[in-house]
Amino acid sequence: MVSLNKQLRLAAGVGLLTATLMSTGSASAAGLTQTACESARGVPAPRVRNEVGLLSAGDIVMTLQPDGSFQGTGVIEVFCKGPTGADLGGIQGAKVQISATPDAGVATTFLINNVTGPVIIGPFDSSATFTLTSHTPNLNLQVSADPNADGALGSHTETVIAAFGQNITGDHPISQDGGIFAATPELDSIALFGTGAMGMIGYAMMRMRAARGRREES
């Protein structure tokens, strides 16, 4: 029979292997060069602005943190846009400007990567992650006075300002936006987590007592 210590070492090894595989799989690709993007579409270089697409984070839900603040994460992807608008792959040398604005009646300031926006991130290849933070207590209890907010407390906007290392200019910016929401963990979710954790602790203690009993008998 495999001892408890060996089981724990085996579980730790499996967990480390799983974490390594997950981190390897989540690494972003290097991104397409301008030449590769143009080759896929067969368009001249001056149309760089029209070759670029943007996928924003969509709606961002900020959740309550241990220090009382609220925080949410968004992911931006800047990609080579095909003739039909298809995503042909992330591009190199992208810069994006991010802004976050509270709706009317919501008294808070949204920090982007812990600073007041608008914030420019990049250059980056393919995708980038950013965080929204609010230090307003009970943010989830505020009610927006905006009749079109649909429960949102504010909105965030991402605009591509550079692609392939070149600044983008023009009257039609490449931008996306989404709503900002705030939530706290559901009570039943907390209870379920607690029940599971207690069950695991109880099982571990039972195994330890059984192992100690076998040692005493021997």
N, C-alpha and C. Protein backbone atom coordinates (compact mmCIF):
# COMPACT_ATOMS: atom_id res chain seq x y z
N MET A 1 0.85 -1.20 0.00
CA MET A 1 0.00 0.00 0.00
C MET A 1 0.88 1.25 0.00
N VAL A 2 0.51 2.22 -0.80
CA VAL A 2 1.29 3.46 -0.88
C VAL A 2 1.07 4.27 0.38
N SER A 3 2.15 4.73 1.03
CA SER A 3 2.04 5.50 2.27
C SER A 3 1.42 6.86 2.00
N LEU A 4 0.94 7.50 3.08
CA LEU A 4 0.33 8.82 2.96
C LEU A 4 1.34 9.84 2.44
N ASN A 5 2.60 9.75 2.93
CA ASN A 5 3.63 10.69 2.47
C ASN A 5 3.88 10.55 0.98
N LYS A 6 3.93 9.29 0.50
CA LYS A 6 4.15 9.08 -0.92
C LYS A 6 2.98 9.62 -1.73
N GLN A 7 1.74 9.43 -1.22
CA GLN A 7 0.58 9.97 -1.92
C GLN A 7 0.64 11.49 -2.01
N LEU A 8 1.04 12.12 -0.89
CA LEU A 8 1.13 13.59 -0.90
C LEU A 8 2.18 14.05 -1.89
N ARG A 9 3.36 13.34 -1.92
CA ARG A 9 4.41 13.74 -2.87
C ARG A 9 3.95 13.55 -4.30
N LEU A 10 3.19 12.45 -4.55
CA LEU A 10 2.68 12.20 -5.89
C LEU A 10 1.70 13.28 -6.31
N ALA A 11 0.80 13.67 -5.39
CA ALA A 11 -0.18 14.71 -5.70
C ALA A 11 0.50 16.03 -5.99
N ALA A 12 1.56 16.33 -5.20
CA ALA A 12 2.28 17.59 -5.43
C ALA A 12 2.96 17.57 -6.80
N GLY A 13 3.53 16.40 -7.17
CA GLY A 13 4.18 16.30 -8.47
C GLY A 13 3.21 16.46 -9.61
N VAL A 14 2.01 15.86 -9.49
CA VAL A 14 0.98 16.01 -10.52
C VAL A 14 0.53 17.46 -10.63
N GLY A 15 0.36 18.12 -9.47
CA GLY A 15 -0.04 19.52 -9.48
C GLY A 15 0.97 20.40 -10.16
N LEU A 16 2.28 20.15 -9.90
CA LEU A 16 3.34 20.94 -10.53
C LEU A 16 3.36 20.73 -12.03
N LEU A 17 3.18 19.47 -12.46
CA LEU A 17 3.16 19.18 -13.89
C LEU A 17 1.98 19.86 -14.56
N THR A 18 0.81 19.81 -13.92
CA THR A 18 -0.38 20.46 -14.48
C THR A 18 -0.18 21.96 -14.61
N ALA A 19 0.39 22.59 -13.57
CA ALA A 19 0.63 24.04 -13.62
C ALA A 19 1.60 24.39 -14.73
N THR A 20 2.63 23.53 -14.92
CA THR A 20 3.61 23.79 -15.98
C THR A 20 2.96 23.72 -17.35
N LEU A 21 2.12 22.70 -17.56
CA LEU A 21 1.45 22.55 -18.84
C LEU A 21 0.50 23.71 -19.10
N MET A 22 -0.22 24.16 -18.05
CA MET A 22 -1.16 25.27 -18.22
C MET A 22 -0.42 26.54 -18.57
N SER A 23 0.71 26.80 -17.89
CA SER A 23 1.45 28.03 -18.18
C SER A 23 2.03 28.00 -19.59
N THR A 24 2.44 26.81 -20.06
CA THR A 24 2.97 26.70 -21.41
C THR A 24 1.88 26.94 -22.43
N GLY A 25 0.68 26.40 -22.18
CA GLY A 25 -0.41 26.54 -23.14
C GLY A 25 -0.98 27.93 -23.19
N SER A 26 -0.81 28.73 -22.12
CA SER A 26 -1.40 30.06 -22.08
C SER A 26 -0.48 31.13 -22.64
N ALA A 27 0.74 30.76 -22.97
CA ALA A 27 1.67 31.75 -23.51
C ALA A 27 1.17 32.26 -24.85
N SER A 28 1.20 33.59 -25.04
CA SER A 28 0.68 34.17 -26.27
C SER A 28 1.67 33.97 -27.41
N ALA A 29 1.14 33.90 -28.64
CA ALA A 29 1.99 33.72 -29.82
C ALA A 29 2.76 35.00 -30.07
N ALA A 30 3.82 34.86 -30.88
CA ALA A 30 4.69 36.01 -31.15
C ALA A 30 3.97 37.08 -31.94
N GLY A 31 2.97 36.71 -32.73
CA GLY A 31 2.22 37.68 -33.51
C GLY A 31 2.71 37.78 -34.94
N LEU A 32 1.78 38.13 -35.85
CA LEU A 32 2.10 38.25 -37.26
C LEU A 32 2.83 39.56 -37.55
N THR A 33 3.77 39.51 -38.48
CA THR A 33 4.41 40.74 -38.95
C THR A 33 3.49 41.42 -39.95
N GLN A 34 3.80 42.66 -40.30
CA GLN A 34 3.00 43.38 -41.28
C GLN A 34 3.05 42.66 -42.63
N THR A 35 4.22 42.16 -43.00
CA THR A 35 4.35 41.45 -44.28
C THR A 35 3.46 40.21 -44.32
N ALA A 36 3.44 39.46 -43.22
CA ALA A 36 2.62 38.25 -43.17
C ALA A 36 1.14 38.59 -43.24
N CYS A 37 0.75 39.67 -42.57
CA CYS A 37 -0.65 40.08 -42.60
C CYS A 37 -1.06 40.53 -44.00
N GLU A 38 -0.19 41.31 -44.64
CA GLU A 38 -0.49 41.78 -45.99
C GLU A 38 -0.56 40.63 -46.98
N SER A 39 0.33 39.64 -46.81
CA SER A 39 0.35 38.49 -47.71
C SER A 39 -0.95 37.71 -47.61
N ALA A 40 -1.51 37.64 -46.41
CA ALA A 40 -2.74 36.89 -46.21
C ALA A 40 -3.92 37.58 -46.87
N ARG A 41 -3.83 38.92 -47.03
CA ARG A 41 -4.95 39.67 -47.60
C ARG A 41 -4.67 40.16 -49.02
N GLY A 42 -3.36 40.26 -49.37
CA GLY A 42 -3.01 40.75 -50.69
C GLY A 42 -3.37 42.20 -50.90
N VAL A 43 -3.14 43.04 -49.87
CA VAL A 43 -3.47 44.46 -49.97
C VAL A 43 -2.20 45.28 -49.82
N PRO A 44 -2.17 46.49 -50.34
CA PRO A 44 -0.97 47.33 -50.26
C PRO A 44 -0.71 47.82 -48.85
N ALA A 45 0.55 48.17 -48.59
CA ALA A 45 0.99 48.59 -47.26
C ALA A 45 0.25 49.81 -46.72
N PRO A 46 -0.11 50.81 -47.54
CA PRO A 46 -0.76 51.99 -46.98
C PRO A 46 -2.09 51.71 -46.27
N ARG A 47 -2.64 50.51 -46.44
CA ARG A 47 -3.92 50.21 -45.81
C ARG A 47 -3.75 49.49 -44.48
N VAL A 48 -2.66 49.78 -43.80
CA VAL A 48 -2.39 49.12 -42.52
C VAL A 48 -3.56 49.28 -41.57
N ARG A 49 -4.12 50.49 -41.51
CA ARG A 49 -5.20 50.74 -40.55
C ARG A 49 -6.38 49.82 -40.80
N ASN A 50 -6.69 49.54 -42.05
CA ASN A 50 -7.85 48.71 -42.37
C ASN A 50 -7.57 47.22 -42.26
N GLU A 51 -6.31 46.86 -42.01
CA GLU A 51 -5.97 45.46 -41.86
C GLU A 51 -6.05 45.00 -40.42
N VAL A 52 -6.36 45.89 -39.52
CA VAL A 52 -6.27 45.58 -38.10
C VAL A 52 -7.66 45.48 -37.48
N GLY A 53 -7.84 44.49 -36.64
CA GLY A 53 -9.09 44.34 -35.90
C GLY A 53 -8.81 44.30 -34.41
N LEU A 54 -9.84 44.48 -33.61
CA LEU A 54 -9.68 44.52 -32.16
C LEU A 54 -10.78 43.71 -31.50
N LEU A 55 -10.38 42.86 -30.58
CA LEU A 55 -11.32 42.17 -29.71
C LEU A 55 -11.08 42.67 -28.30
N SER A 56 -12.08 43.29 -27.69
CA SER A 56 -11.91 43.82 -26.35
C SER A 56 -12.36 42.80 -25.31
N ALA A 57 -12.27 43.21 -24.06
CA ALA A 57 -12.63 42.33 -22.96
C ALA A 57 -14.12 42.10 -22.86
N GLY A 58 -14.93 42.88 -23.58
CA GLY A 58 -16.38 42.78 -23.38
C GLY A 58 -16.75 43.35 -22.03
N ASP A 59 -17.82 42.84 -21.43
CA ASP A 59 -18.20 43.30 -20.11
C ASP A 59 -17.23 42.78 -19.07
N ILE A 60 -16.84 43.64 -18.13
CA ILE A 60 -15.92 43.26 -17.06
C ILE A 60 -16.67 43.28 -15.74
N VAL A 61 -16.60 42.18 -15.01
CA VAL A 61 -17.24 42.08 -13.70
C VAL A 61 -16.16 42.23 -12.63
N MET A 62 -16.28 43.25 -11.81
CA MET A 62 -15.33 43.49 -10.73
C MET A 62 -15.86 42.80 -9.47
N THR A 63 -15.01 42.01 -8.83
CA THR A 63 -15.43 41.27 -7.65
C THR A 63 -14.75 41.81 -6.39
N LEU A 64 -15.38 41.59 -5.27
CA LEU A 64 -14.90 42.08 -3.99
C LEU A 64 -13.60 41.38 -3.61
N GLN A 65 -12.60 42.19 -3.20
CA GLN A 65 -11.30 41.68 -2.79
C GLN A 65 -11.18 41.69 -1.27
N PRO A 66 -10.21 40.94 -0.71
CA PRO A 66 -10.06 40.90 0.75
C PRO A 66 -9.86 42.26 1.41
N ASP A 67 -9.27 43.23 0.68
CA ASP A 67 -9.04 44.55 1.27
C ASP A 67 -10.24 45.48 1.12
N GLY A 68 -11.35 44.97 0.57
CA GLY A 68 -12.56 45.77 0.42
C GLY A 68 -12.70 46.45 -0.92
N SER A 69 -11.67 46.40 -1.73
CA SER A 69 -11.75 46.99 -3.07
C SER A 69 -12.45 46.03 -4.02
N PHE A 70 -12.72 46.51 -5.23
CA PHE A 70 -13.31 45.68 -6.28
C PHE A 70 -12.35 45.65 -7.45
N GLN A 71 -12.18 44.46 -8.06
CA GLN A 71 -11.21 44.34 -9.14
C GLN A 71 -11.70 43.37 -10.21
N GLY A 72 -11.42 43.70 -11.46
CA GLY A 72 -11.77 42.84 -12.58
C GLY A 72 -10.66 42.86 -13.61
N THR A 73 -10.64 41.84 -14.46
CA THR A 73 -9.57 41.68 -15.45
C THR A 73 -10.15 41.66 -16.85
N GLY A 74 -9.43 42.29 -17.78
CA GLY A 74 -9.83 42.28 -19.18
C GLY A 74 -8.66 41.86 -20.06
N VAL A 75 -8.97 41.29 -21.20
CA VAL A 75 -7.95 40.87 -22.17
C VAL A 75 -8.25 41.54 -23.50
N ILE A 76 -7.22 42.14 -24.11
CA ILE A 76 -7.35 42.80 -25.41
C ILE A 76 -6.58 41.99 -26.43
N GLU A 77 -7.18 41.78 -27.59
CA GLU A 77 -6.50 41.09 -28.68
C GLU A 77 -6.54 41.99 -29.92
N VAL A 78 -5.38 42.28 -30.47
CA VAL A 78 -5.28 43.04 -31.72
C VAL A 78 -4.82 42.07 -32.80
N PHE A 79 -5.63 41.93 -33.86
CA PHE A 79 -5.37 40.86 -34.82
C PHE A 79 -5.37 41.36 -36.26
N CYS A 80 -4.85 40.51 -37.14
CA CYS A 80 -4.87 40.76 -38.57
C CYS A 80 -6.25 40.36 -39.09
N LYS A 81 -6.95 41.33 -39.66
CA LYS A 81 -8.33 41.11 -40.10
C LYS A 81 -8.37 40.73 -41.57
N GLY A 82 -8.97 39.57 -41.86
CA GLY A 82 -9.05 39.09 -43.23
C GLY A 82 -10.09 39.83 -44.04
N PRO A 83 -10.22 39.48 -45.34
CA PRO A 83 -11.16 40.17 -46.24
C PRO A 83 -12.61 40.16 -45.75
N THR A 84 -12.99 39.09 -45.04
CA THR A 84 -14.37 39.00 -44.53
C THR A 84 -14.46 39.40 -43.07
N GLY A 85 -13.38 39.95 -42.53
CA GLY A 85 -13.35 40.34 -41.12
C GLY A 85 -12.87 39.24 -40.20
N ALA A 86 -12.44 38.11 -40.76
CA ALA A 86 -12.00 36.99 -39.95
C ALA A 86 -10.69 37.30 -39.24
N ASP A 87 -10.49 36.68 -38.09
CA ASP A 87 -9.26 36.83 -37.32
C ASP A 87 -8.21 35.89 -37.91
N LEU A 88 -7.16 36.47 -38.53
CA LEU A 88 -6.10 35.68 -39.15
C LEU A 88 -4.90 35.49 -38.22
N GLY A 89 -5.00 36.00 -37.00
CA GLY A 89 -3.91 35.86 -36.03
C GLY A 89 -3.51 37.19 -35.44
N GLY A 90 -3.00 37.13 -34.22
CA GLY A 90 -2.55 38.34 -33.55
C GLY A 90 -1.38 38.98 -34.26
N ILE A 91 -1.21 40.30 -34.08
CA ILE A 91 -0.17 41.04 -34.79
C ILE A 91 0.92 41.50 -33.82
N GLN A 92 2.01 41.93 -34.39
CA GLN A 92 3.12 42.47 -33.62
C GLN A 92 2.99 43.98 -33.46
N GLY A 93 3.65 44.49 -32.40
CA GLY A 93 3.80 45.93 -32.23
C GLY A 93 2.52 46.71 -32.10
N ALA A 94 1.57 46.24 -31.28
CA ALA A 94 0.29 46.94 -31.09
C ALA A 94 0.33 47.80 -29.83
N LYS A 95 -0.34 48.94 -29.89
CA LYS A 95 -0.56 49.79 -28.72
C LYS A 95 -2.05 50.11 -28.64
N VAL A 96 -2.57 50.10 -27.41
CA VAL A 96 -4.00 50.36 -27.21
C VAL A 96 -4.17 51.36 -26.08
N GLN A 97 -5.08 52.30 -26.28
CA GLN A 97 -5.43 53.24 -25.22
C GLN A 97 -6.71 52.76 -24.55
N ILE A 98 -6.69 52.70 -23.21
CA ILE A 98 -7.83 52.22 -22.44
C ILE A 98 -8.36 53.33 -21.55
N SER A 99 -9.67 53.48 -21.54
CA SER A 99 -10.32 54.43 -20.63
C SER A 99 -11.46 53.71 -19.92
N ALA A 100 -11.78 54.17 -18.73
CA ALA A 100 -12.89 53.60 -17.95
C ALA A 100 -13.61 54.74 -17.25
N THR A 101 -14.92 54.83 -17.48
CA THR A 101 -15.71 55.97 -17.00
C THR A 101 -16.93 55.49 -16.22
N PRO A 102 -17.16 56.02 -15.02
CA PRO A 102 -18.38 55.64 -14.28
C PRO A 102 -19.61 56.28 -14.91
N ASP A 103 -20.74 55.60 -14.80
CA ASP A 103 -21.99 56.15 -15.29
C ASP A 103 -22.47 57.28 -14.38
N ALA A 104 -23.43 58.04 -14.89
CA ALA A 104 -24.02 59.11 -14.09
C ALA A 104 -24.61 58.54 -12.81
N GLY A 105 -24.30 59.17 -11.68
CA GLY A 105 -24.83 58.72 -10.40
C GLY A 105 -23.95 57.73 -9.68
N VAL A 106 -22.87 57.29 -10.30
CA VAL A 106 -21.94 56.34 -9.67
C VAL A 106 -20.72 57.11 -9.21
N ALA A 107 -20.51 57.18 -7.90
CA ALA A 107 -19.41 57.95 -7.33
C ALA A 107 -18.22 57.05 -7.09
N THR A 108 -17.36 56.93 -8.08
CA THR A 108 -16.15 56.12 -7.94
C THR A 108 -15.14 56.54 -9.00
N THR A 109 -13.93 56.08 -8.84
CA THR A 109 -12.88 56.25 -9.85
C THR A 109 -12.36 54.87 -10.22
N PHE A 110 -12.35 54.55 -11.49
CA PHE A 110 -11.82 53.27 -11.95
C PHE A 110 -10.34 53.44 -12.28
N LEU A 111 -9.51 52.67 -11.63
CA LEU A 111 -8.08 52.67 -11.92
C LEU A 111 -7.78 51.59 -12.95
N ILE A 112 -6.92 51.92 -13.90
CA ILE A 112 -6.51 50.97 -14.93
C ILE A 112 -5.05 50.62 -14.65
N ASN A 113 -4.81 49.35 -14.34
CA ASN A 113 -3.47 48.93 -13.92
C ASN A 113 -2.95 49.81 -12.79
N ASN A 114 -3.86 50.14 -11.87
CA ASN A 114 -3.56 50.89 -10.65
C ASN A 114 -3.23 52.36 -10.87
N VAL A 115 -3.54 52.90 -12.03
CA VAL A 115 -3.36 54.34 -12.25
C VAL A 115 -4.63 54.90 -12.88
N THR A 116 -4.81 56.21 -12.75
CA THR A 116 -5.97 56.87 -13.33
C THR A 116 -5.82 56.95 -14.85
N GLY A 117 -6.87 56.58 -15.58
CA GLY A 117 -6.81 56.57 -17.03
C GLY A 117 -7.06 57.93 -17.65
N PRO A 118 -7.03 58.01 -18.98
CA PRO A 118 -6.74 56.92 -19.92
C PRO A 118 -5.30 56.43 -19.81
N VAL A 119 -5.11 55.14 -20.14
CA VAL A 119 -3.82 54.50 -20.04
C VAL A 119 -3.47 53.87 -21.39
N ILE A 120 -2.22 54.02 -21.81
CA ILE A 120 -1.74 53.38 -23.03
C ILE A 120 -0.90 52.17 -22.64
N ILE A 121 -1.23 51.01 -23.20
CA ILE A 121 -0.43 49.82 -22.95
C ILE A 121 0.17 49.35 -24.27
N GLY A 122 1.37 48.81 -24.18
CA GLY A 122 2.07 48.35 -25.37
C GLY A 122 3.39 49.08 -25.54
N PRO A 123 4.14 48.71 -26.56
CA PRO A 123 3.74 47.76 -27.60
C PRO A 123 3.70 46.32 -27.08
N PHE A 124 2.76 45.53 -27.61
CA PHE A 124 2.65 44.13 -27.26
C PHE A 124 2.32 43.34 -28.53
N ASP A 125 2.53 42.05 -28.46
CA ASP A 125 2.24 41.17 -29.59
C ASP A 125 0.99 40.35 -29.29
N SER A 126 0.03 40.40 -30.17
CA SER A 126 -1.18 39.58 -30.11
C SER A 126 -2.17 40.03 -29.04
N SER A 127 -1.81 39.93 -27.76
CA SER A 127 -2.79 40.23 -26.72
C SER A 127 -2.12 40.79 -25.49
N ALA A 128 -2.93 41.44 -24.66
CA ALA A 128 -2.44 42.02 -23.41
C ALA A 128 -3.56 41.98 -22.38
N THR A 129 -3.19 41.92 -21.11
CA THR A 129 -4.16 41.86 -20.02
C THR A 129 -4.08 43.15 -19.20
N PHE A 130 -5.22 43.62 -18.72
CA PHE A 130 -5.24 44.79 -17.85
C PHE A 130 -6.23 44.56 -16.72
N THR A 131 -6.10 45.34 -15.67
CA THR A 131 -7.01 45.23 -14.52
C THR A 131 -7.72 46.55 -14.27
N LEU A 132 -8.96 46.45 -13.85
CA LEU A 132 -9.74 47.60 -13.39
C LEU A 132 -9.93 47.45 -11.88
N THR A 133 -9.71 48.55 -11.15
CA THR A 133 -9.83 48.52 -9.70
C THR A 133 -10.62 49.72 -9.22
N SER A 134 -11.46 49.52 -8.22
CA SER A 134 -12.17 50.61 -7.56
C SER A 134 -12.02 50.41 -6.06
N HIS A 135 -11.64 51.48 -5.36
CA HIS A 135 -11.48 51.42 -3.91
C HIS A 135 -12.71 51.98 -3.20
N THR A 136 -13.81 52.14 -3.91
CA THR A 136 -15.05 52.64 -3.31
C THR A 136 -15.74 51.52 -2.53
N PRO A 137 -15.98 51.68 -1.23
CA PRO A 137 -16.67 50.64 -0.46
C PRO A 137 -18.08 50.38 -0.99
N ASN A 138 -18.50 49.13 -0.94
CA ASN A 138 -19.85 48.75 -1.36
C ASN A 138 -20.18 49.22 -2.78
N LEU A 139 -19.22 49.14 -3.66
CA LEU A 139 -19.43 49.58 -5.04
C LEU A 139 -20.60 48.84 -5.68
N ASN A 140 -20.77 47.57 -5.33
CA ASN A 140 -21.83 46.77 -5.95
C ASN A 140 -23.22 47.23 -5.55
N LEU A 141 -23.33 48.08 -4.53
CA LEU A 141 -24.64 48.55 -4.06
C LEU A 141 -25.04 49.87 -4.71
N GLN A 142 -24.14 50.48 -5.46
CA GLN A 142 -24.48 51.74 -6.11
C GLN A 142 -25.43 51.49 -7.28
N VAL A 143 -26.31 52.43 -7.52
CA VAL A 143 -27.27 52.33 -8.62
C VAL A 143 -27.02 53.47 -9.59
N SER A 144 -26.81 53.11 -10.85
CA SER A 144 -26.55 54.13 -11.85
C SER A 144 -27.82 54.91 -12.18
N ALA A 145 -27.66 56.22 -12.40
CA ALA A 145 -28.79 57.06 -12.80
C ALA A 145 -28.99 57.04 -14.31
N ASP A 146 -28.11 56.32 -15.02
CA ASP A 146 -28.21 56.23 -16.47
C ASP A 146 -29.28 55.21 -16.84
N PRO A 147 -30.37 55.62 -17.50
CA PRO A 147 -31.45 54.68 -17.83
C PRO A 147 -31.03 53.63 -18.85
N ASN A 148 -29.92 53.87 -19.55
CA ASN A 148 -29.48 52.91 -20.56
C ASN A 148 -28.33 52.02 -20.07
N ALA A 149 -28.05 52.07 -18.77
CA ALA A 149 -26.89 51.36 -18.24
C ALA A 149 -27.11 49.85 -18.14
N ASP A 150 -28.37 49.39 -18.03
CA ASP A 150 -28.68 47.96 -17.90
C ASP A 150 -27.93 47.31 -16.75
N GLY A 151 -27.86 48.02 -15.64
CA GLY A 151 -27.21 47.46 -14.47
C GLY A 151 -25.72 47.72 -14.40
N ALA A 152 -25.14 48.28 -15.45
CA ALA A 152 -23.70 48.56 -15.43
C ALA A 152 -23.41 49.79 -14.58
N LEU A 153 -22.23 49.82 -13.97
CA LEU A 153 -21.79 50.97 -13.19
C LEU A 153 -20.95 51.93 -14.01
N GLY A 154 -20.52 51.49 -15.16
CA GLY A 154 -19.69 52.33 -16.02
C GLY A 154 -19.37 51.59 -17.30
N SER A 155 -18.42 52.15 -18.04
CA SER A 155 -18.03 51.53 -19.31
C SER A 155 -16.53 51.68 -19.51
N HIS A 156 -15.96 50.76 -20.27
CA HIS A 156 -14.54 50.85 -20.63
C HIS A 156 -14.43 50.82 -22.14
N THR A 157 -13.42 51.52 -22.66
CA THR A 157 -13.20 51.61 -24.11
C THR A 157 -11.74 51.36 -24.43
N GLU A 158 -11.50 50.53 -25.46
CA GLU A 158 -10.15 50.27 -25.93
C GLU A 158 -10.05 50.75 -27.38
N THR A 159 -9.00 51.52 -27.69
CA THR A 159 -8.78 52.04 -29.03
C THR A 159 -7.36 51.72 -29.47
N VAL A 160 -7.22 51.13 -30.65
CA VAL A 160 -5.90 50.81 -31.19
C VAL A 160 -5.25 52.10 -31.69
N ILE A 161 -4.07 52.41 -31.17
CA ILE A 161 -3.38 53.63 -31.60
C ILE A 161 -2.11 53.31 -32.38
N ALA A 162 -1.69 52.05 -32.39
CA ALA A 162 -0.52 51.65 -33.18
C ALA A 162 -0.62 50.18 -33.52
N ALA A 163 -0.12 49.82 -34.71
CA ALA A 163 -0.08 48.43 -35.15
C ALA A 163 1.18 48.21 -35.97
N PHE A 164 1.82 47.07 -35.81
CA PHE A 164 3.09 46.78 -36.49
C PHE A 164 4.13 47.85 -36.20
N GLY A 165 4.04 48.47 -35.00
CA GLY A 165 4.99 49.49 -34.63
C GLY A 165 4.75 50.83 -35.28
N GLN A 166 3.62 51.01 -35.99
CA GLN A 166 3.32 52.27 -36.67
C GLN A 166 2.08 52.91 -36.04
N ASN A 167 2.13 54.22 -35.84
CA ASN A 167 0.97 54.93 -35.31
C ASN A 167 -0.18 54.89 -36.31
N ILE A 168 -1.39 54.82 -35.78
CA ILE A 168 -2.59 54.77 -36.61
C ILE A 168 -3.31 56.10 -36.52
N THR A 169 -3.66 56.67 -37.63
CA THR A 169 -4.41 57.92 -37.68
C THR A 169 -5.60 57.75 -38.60
N GLY A 170 -6.57 58.62 -38.47
CA GLY A 170 -7.75 58.53 -39.33
C GLY A 170 -9.00 58.95 -38.59
N ASP A 171 -10.07 59.11 -39.34
CA ASP A 171 -11.34 59.56 -38.77
C ASP A 171 -12.17 58.42 -38.21
N HIS A 172 -11.77 57.18 -38.47
CA HIS A 172 -12.56 56.03 -38.02
C HIS A 172 -11.69 55.12 -37.17
N PRO A 173 -11.58 55.41 -35.88
CA PRO A 173 -10.70 54.63 -35.01
C PRO A 173 -11.17 53.19 -34.85
N ILE A 174 -10.23 52.31 -34.60
CA ILE A 174 -10.54 50.90 -34.33
C ILE A 174 -10.72 50.78 -32.83
N SER A 175 -11.94 50.65 -32.40
CA SER A 175 -12.20 50.64 -30.96
C SER A 175 -13.34 49.69 -30.61
N GLN A 176 -13.35 49.29 -29.35
CA GLN A 176 -14.40 48.45 -28.79
C GLN A 176 -14.70 48.95 -27.40
N ASP A 177 -15.88 48.62 -26.89
CA ASP A 177 -16.19 49.00 -25.51
C ASP A 177 -17.05 47.93 -24.86
N GLY A 178 -17.26 48.09 -23.58
CA GLY A 178 -18.07 47.15 -22.82
C GLY A 178 -18.47 47.77 -21.50
N GLY A 179 -19.36 47.10 -20.78
CA GLY A 179 -19.83 47.60 -19.50
C GLY A 179 -18.94 47.15 -18.35
N ILE A 180 -19.09 47.86 -17.23
CA ILE A 180 -18.37 47.52 -16.00
C ILE A 180 -19.42 47.21 -14.93
N PHE A 181 -19.32 46.04 -14.34
CA PHE A 181 -20.26 45.59 -13.31
C PHE A 181 -19.49 45.26 -12.04
N ALA A 182 -20.19 45.20 -10.91
CA ALA A 182 -19.57 44.83 -9.63
C ALA A 182 -20.43 43.78 -8.96
N ALA A 183 -19.78 42.83 -8.33
CA ALA A 183 -20.51 41.74 -7.68
C ALA A 183 -19.73 41.24 -6.49
N THR A 184 -20.41 40.60 -5.55
CA THR A 184 -19.79 39.93 -4.42
C THR A 184 -20.08 38.44 -4.55
N PRO A 185 -19.25 37.57 -3.95
CA PRO A 185 -19.50 36.14 -4.04
C PRO A 185 -20.87 35.77 -3.45
N GLU A 186 -21.56 34.86 -4.11
CA GLU A 186 -22.84 34.40 -3.61
C GLU A 186 -22.64 33.62 -2.31
N LEU A 187 -23.58 33.76 -1.37
CA LEU A 187 -23.46 33.08 -0.10
C LEU A 187 -23.43 31.57 -0.26
N ASP A 188 -24.25 31.02 -1.19
CA ASP A 188 -24.27 29.58 -1.36
C ASP A 188 -22.95 29.07 -1.94
N SER A 189 -22.26 29.91 -2.76
CA SER A 189 -20.97 29.51 -3.29
C SER A 189 -19.93 29.44 -2.18
N ILE A 190 -19.98 30.44 -1.26
CA ILE A 190 -19.06 30.43 -0.13
C ILE A 190 -19.30 29.20 0.74
N ALA A 191 -20.59 28.90 0.99
CA ALA A 191 -20.92 27.75 1.82
C ALA A 191 -20.46 26.46 1.16
N LEU A 192 -20.64 26.36 -0.15
CA LEU A 192 -20.23 25.15 -0.87
C LEU A 192 -18.72 24.99 -0.80
N PHE A 193 -17.99 26.08 -0.98
CA PHE A 193 -16.54 26.02 -0.90
C PHE A 193 -16.10 25.58 0.49
N GLY A 194 -16.73 26.15 1.52
CA GLY A 194 -16.38 25.78 2.89
C GLY A 194 -16.65 24.32 3.17
N THR A 195 -17.79 23.81 2.69
CA THR A 195 -18.11 22.40 2.90
C THR A 195 -17.08 21.51 2.24
N GLY A 196 -16.68 21.85 1.02
CA GLY A 196 -15.68 21.05 0.32
C GLY A 196 -14.35 21.07 1.04
N ALA A 197 -13.94 22.26 1.51
CA ALA A 197 -12.66 22.37 2.20
C ALA A 197 -12.67 21.56 3.49
N MET A 198 -13.76 21.65 4.26
CA MET A 198 -13.85 20.89 5.50
C MET A 198 -13.82 19.40 5.23
N GLY A 199 -14.47 18.97 4.14
CA GLY A 199 -14.46 17.56 3.79
C GLY A 199 -13.06 17.06 3.49
N MET A 200 -12.27 17.88 2.76
CA MET A 200 -10.91 17.49 2.44
C MET A 200 -10.05 17.42 3.70
N ILE A 201 -10.24 18.37 4.62
CA ILE A 201 -9.48 18.36 5.87
C ILE A 201 -9.83 17.14 6.70
N GLY A 202 -11.13 16.83 6.76
CA GLY A 202 -11.57 15.67 7.52
C GLY A 202 -11.01 14.38 6.97
N TYR A 203 -10.97 14.27 5.64
CA TYR A 203 -10.43 13.06 5.01
C TYR A 203 -8.95 12.91 5.31
N ALA A 204 -8.20 14.02 5.22
CA ALA A 204 -6.76 13.97 5.50
C ALA A 204 -6.50 13.56 6.94
N MET A 205 -7.28 14.10 7.90
CA MET A 205 -7.10 13.74 9.30
C MET A 205 -7.41 12.27 9.54
N MET A 206 -8.45 11.76 8.85
CA MET A 206 -8.81 10.34 8.99
C MET A 206 -7.67 9.46 8.52
N ARG A 207 -7.04 9.81 7.38
CA ARG A 207 -5.94 9.02 6.85
C ARG A 207 -4.74 9.06 7.80
N MET A 208 -4.49 10.23 8.39
CA MET A 208 -3.37 10.35 9.32
C MET A 208 -3.60 9.51 10.56
N ARG A 209 -4.85 9.51 11.09
CA ARG A 209 -5.14 8.70 12.27
C ARG A 209 -5.01 7.22 11.95
N ALA A 210 -5.46 6.81 10.75
CA ALA A 210 -5.36 5.40 10.36
C ALA A 210 -3.91 4.98 10.24
N ALA A 211 -3.08 5.85 9.63
CA ALA A 211 -1.67 5.52 9.49
C ALA A 211 -1.00 5.42 10.84
N ARG A 212 -1.36 6.33 11.80
CA ARG A 212 -0.76 6.29 13.13
C ARG A 212 -1.16 5.02 13.86
N GLY A 213 -2.44 4.60 13.66
CA GLY A 213 -2.91 3.38 14.30
C GLY A 213 -2.15 2.16 13.81
N ARG A 214 -1.86 2.11 12.50
CA ARG A 214 -1.13 0.97 11.95
C ARG A 214 0.29 0.92 12.50
N ARG A 215 0.91 2.11 12.66
CA ARG A 215 2.26 2.14 13.21
C ARG A 215 2.27 1.64 14.66
N GLU A 216 1.26 2.03 15.45
CA GLU A 216 1.20 1.60 16.84
C GLU A 216 0.98 0.09 16.93
N GLU A 217 0.16 -0.47 16.04
CA GLU A 217 -0.11 -1.91 16.07
C GLU A 217 1.14 -2.70 15.72
N SER A 218 1.95 -2.13 14.78
CA SER A 218 3.15 -2.84 14.38
C SER A 218 4.27 -2.68 15.41
